[in-house]
Amino acid sequence: MARASKMGADVATRDSNRAQLSGHICEACGKAIPQGELLVVRLVEFDGARTRKRRRVAYHRNGSCYKTA
C-alpha cells in the first residue's frame, strides 16, 4: 500500500487494493475481511508470571466487530 502511494498510483488503484480480500476471517461475525479493514489483535494468556499462550485474532476495523470496552 505504501509503495502504491509513493509511486503515484491513482485513487481507484488504491481503493481496489483496499477492497481485495485479505484471506482472514473475522472472529466476531465470521465474514471475510477486505485488506483495508483488517485489524489483527494479538492475545497473550498468562499463567502466573509466565506466558502460556499467544495467538493472533483478526477482526473488522469498522468498530462493530472489535470493541475495546
N, C-alpha and C. Protein backbone atom coordinates (compact mmCIF):
# COMPACT_ATOMS: atom_id res chain seq x y z
N MET A 1 0.82 -1.18 0.00
CA MET A 1 0.00 0.00 0.00
C MET A 1 0.87 1.25 0.00
N ALA A 2 1.91 1.26 0.81
CA ALA A 2 2.79 2.42 0.85
C ALA A 2 3.52 2.60 -0.47
N ARG A 3 3.88 1.49 -1.09
CA ARG A 3 4.55 1.57 -2.38
C ARG A 3 3.65 2.21 -3.43
N ALA A 4 2.36 1.86 -3.41
CA ALA A 4 1.43 2.39 -4.40
C ALA A 4 1.30 3.90 -4.28
N SER A 5 1.29 4.44 -3.06
CA SER A 5 1.16 5.88 -2.92
C SER A 5 2.47 6.59 -3.26
N LYS A 6 3.60 5.96 -2.99
CA LYS A 6 4.88 6.58 -3.34
C LYS A 6 5.09 6.60 -4.84
N MET A 7 4.58 5.59 -5.54
CA MET A 7 4.76 5.53 -6.99
C MET A 7 3.75 6.40 -7.70
N GLY A 8 2.81 6.99 -7.00
CA GLY A 8 1.84 7.88 -7.62
C GLY A 8 0.64 7.15 -8.18
N ALA A 9 0.24 6.05 -7.56
CA ALA A 9 -0.94 5.32 -8.02
C ALA A 9 -2.18 6.18 -7.80
N ASP A 10 -3.12 6.07 -8.73
CA ASP A 10 -4.33 6.87 -8.60
C ASP A 10 -5.25 6.32 -7.52
N VAL A 11 -6.27 7.07 -7.21
CA VAL A 11 -7.18 6.74 -6.12
C VAL A 11 -7.92 5.43 -6.40
N ALA A 12 -8.29 5.19 -7.63
CA ALA A 12 -9.02 3.97 -7.98
C ALA A 12 -8.17 2.73 -7.72
N THR A 13 -6.88 2.81 -8.01
CA THR A 13 -5.98 1.68 -7.77
C THR A 13 -5.85 1.40 -6.28
N ARG A 14 -5.69 2.44 -5.49
CA ARG A 14 -5.58 2.26 -4.05
C ARG A 14 -6.87 1.72 -3.45
N ASP A 15 -8.02 2.20 -3.93
CA ASP A 15 -9.30 1.69 -3.42
C ASP A 15 -9.51 0.24 -3.80
N SER A 16 -9.09 -0.15 -4.99
CA SER A 16 -9.24 -1.55 -5.39
C SER A 16 -8.32 -2.45 -4.58
N ASN A 17 -7.13 -1.96 -4.22
CA ASN A 17 -6.22 -2.74 -3.36
C ASN A 17 -6.81 -2.91 -1.97
N ARG A 18 -7.45 -1.88 -1.45
CA ARG A 18 -8.07 -1.97 -0.12
C ARG A 18 -9.27 -2.90 -0.13
N ALA A 19 -9.96 -3.01 -1.26
CA ALA A 19 -11.16 -3.84 -1.35
C ALA A 19 -10.85 -5.32 -1.55
N GLN A 20 -9.62 -5.66 -1.91
CA GLN A 20 -9.25 -7.07 -2.11
C GLN A 20 -9.34 -7.81 -0.78
N LEU A 21 -9.72 -9.08 -0.85
CA LEU A 21 -9.82 -9.87 0.37
C LEU A 21 -8.43 -10.18 0.92
N SER A 22 -8.31 -10.15 2.24
CA SER A 22 -7.02 -10.36 2.89
C SER A 22 -6.73 -11.83 3.15
N GLY A 23 -7.75 -12.67 3.09
CA GLY A 23 -7.56 -14.09 3.39
C GLY A 23 -7.85 -14.42 4.84
N HIS A 24 -8.27 -13.44 5.62
CA HIS A 24 -8.61 -13.65 7.03
C HIS A 24 -10.12 -13.65 7.20
N ILE A 25 -10.58 -14.37 8.21
CA ILE A 25 -11.99 -14.43 8.56
C ILE A 25 -12.17 -13.76 9.92
N CYS A 26 -13.20 -12.91 10.02
CA CYS A 26 -13.45 -12.18 11.27
C CYS A 26 -13.87 -13.15 12.37
N GLU A 27 -13.29 -12.97 13.54
CA GLU A 27 -13.61 -13.82 14.69
C GLU A 27 -15.02 -13.56 15.21
N ALA A 28 -15.49 -12.32 15.11
CA ALA A 28 -16.79 -11.97 15.67
C ALA A 28 -17.95 -12.34 14.74
N CYS A 29 -17.87 -11.97 13.47
CA CYS A 29 -19.01 -12.17 12.57
C CYS A 29 -18.82 -13.33 11.60
N GLY A 30 -17.59 -13.81 11.40
CA GLY A 30 -17.35 -14.96 10.54
C GLY A 30 -17.29 -14.64 9.06
N LYS A 31 -17.23 -13.37 8.69
CA LYS A 31 -17.17 -12.97 7.28
C LYS A 31 -15.73 -12.68 6.87
N ALA A 32 -15.47 -12.73 5.56
CA ALA A 32 -14.14 -12.41 5.04
C ALA A 32 -13.85 -10.92 5.23
N ILE A 33 -12.58 -10.60 5.46
CA ILE A 33 -12.19 -9.22 5.74
C ILE A 33 -11.41 -8.65 4.56
N PRO A 34 -11.84 -7.49 4.02
CA PRO A 34 -11.05 -6.83 2.97
C PRO A 34 -9.73 -6.30 3.55
N GLN A 35 -8.77 -6.08 2.68
CA GLN A 35 -7.43 -5.64 3.10
C GLN A 35 -7.48 -4.31 3.87
N GLY A 36 -8.35 -3.40 3.46
CA GLY A 36 -8.42 -2.08 4.09
C GLY A 36 -9.06 -2.08 5.46
N GLU A 37 -9.78 -3.15 5.83
CA GLU A 37 -10.46 -3.21 7.12
C GLU A 37 -9.87 -4.23 8.07
N LEU A 38 -8.71 -4.76 7.75
CA LEU A 38 -8.10 -5.81 8.56
C LEU A 38 -7.49 -5.23 9.83
N LEU A 39 -7.87 -5.81 10.96
CA LEU A 39 -7.31 -5.45 12.26
C LEU A 39 -6.92 -6.76 12.94
N VAL A 40 -5.63 -6.94 13.19
CA VAL A 40 -5.15 -8.16 13.84
C VAL A 40 -4.77 -7.82 15.27
N VAL A 41 -5.41 -8.51 16.21
CA VAL A 41 -5.18 -8.29 17.64
C VAL A 41 -4.37 -9.46 18.16
N ARG A 42 -3.35 -9.15 18.92
CA ARG A 42 -2.50 -10.19 19.49
C ARG A 42 -2.92 -10.44 20.94
N LEU A 43 -3.37 -11.65 21.23
CA LEU A 43 -3.81 -12.02 22.57
C LEU A 43 -2.74 -12.84 23.26
N VAL A 44 -2.49 -12.54 24.52
CA VAL A 44 -1.50 -13.24 25.31
C VAL A 44 -2.17 -13.72 26.59
N GLU A 45 -2.08 -15.01 26.86
CA GLU A 45 -2.61 -15.57 28.10
C GLU A 45 -1.46 -15.84 29.05
N PHE A 46 -1.65 -15.46 30.30
CA PHE A 46 -0.61 -15.62 31.31
C PHE A 46 -1.00 -16.71 32.28
N ASP A 47 0.00 -17.45 32.72
CA ASP A 47 -0.17 -18.46 33.75
C ASP A 47 0.76 -18.07 34.89
N GLY A 48 0.25 -17.32 35.83
CA GLY A 48 1.10 -16.77 36.89
C GLY A 48 1.97 -15.68 36.30
N ALA A 49 3.29 -15.85 36.36
CA ALA A 49 4.22 -14.86 35.81
C ALA A 49 4.73 -15.28 34.44
N ARG A 50 4.33 -16.45 33.96
CA ARG A 50 4.83 -16.96 32.69
C ARG A 50 3.78 -16.82 31.60
N THR A 51 4.25 -16.63 30.38
CA THR A 51 3.36 -16.57 29.23
C THR A 51 2.99 -17.99 28.83
N ARG A 52 1.69 -18.25 28.76
CA ARG A 52 1.25 -19.60 28.43
C ARG A 52 0.93 -19.74 26.95
N LYS A 53 0.24 -18.78 26.37
CA LYS A 53 -0.22 -18.94 25.00
C LYS A 53 -0.32 -17.59 24.31
N ARG A 54 0.13 -17.52 23.07
CA ARG A 54 -0.01 -16.32 22.25
C ARG A 54 -0.76 -16.69 20.98
N ARG A 55 -1.66 -15.82 20.57
CA ARG A 55 -2.34 -16.06 19.30
C ARG A 55 -2.79 -14.74 18.71
N ARG A 56 -2.98 -14.73 17.40
CA ARG A 56 -3.45 -13.54 16.70
C ARG A 56 -4.87 -13.77 16.22
N VAL A 57 -5.71 -12.77 16.41
CA VAL A 57 -7.12 -12.86 16.04
C VAL A 57 -7.45 -11.70 15.10
N ALA A 58 -8.13 -12.01 14.01
CA ALA A 58 -8.48 -11.00 13.01
C ALA A 58 -9.91 -10.49 13.23
N TYR A 59 -10.09 -9.17 13.09
CA TYR A 59 -11.39 -8.52 13.22
C TYR A 59 -11.55 -7.49 12.11
N HIS A 60 -12.80 -7.04 11.90
CA HIS A 60 -13.05 -5.88 11.04
C HIS A 60 -12.66 -4.62 11.81
N ARG A 61 -12.10 -3.66 11.13
CA ARG A 61 -11.66 -2.43 11.76
C ARG A 61 -12.81 -1.45 11.98
N ASN A 62 -13.97 -1.69 11.38
CA ASN A 62 -15.06 -0.71 11.38
C ASN A 62 -15.65 -0.40 12.75
N GLY A 63 -15.37 -1.16 13.76
CA GLY A 63 -15.84 -0.85 15.11
C GLY A 63 -17.00 -1.70 15.57
N SER A 64 -17.70 -2.36 14.67
CA SER A 64 -18.83 -3.17 15.10
C SER A 64 -18.37 -4.56 15.57
N CYS A 65 -17.26 -5.06 15.04
CA CYS A 65 -16.79 -6.39 15.39
C CYS A 65 -15.80 -6.38 16.55
N TYR A 66 -14.94 -5.38 16.63
CA TYR A 66 -13.94 -5.31 17.71
C TYR A 66 -14.24 -4.12 18.59
N LYS A 67 -14.48 -4.39 19.86
CA LYS A 67 -14.77 -3.30 20.81
C LYS A 67 -13.80 -3.42 21.97
N THR A 68 -13.31 -2.27 22.43
CA THR A 68 -12.34 -2.27 23.50
C THR A 68 -13.00 -2.32 24.87
N ALA A 69 -14.21 -1.86 24.99
CA ALA A 69 -14.86 -1.85 26.30
C ALA A 69 -16.15 -2.61 26.29
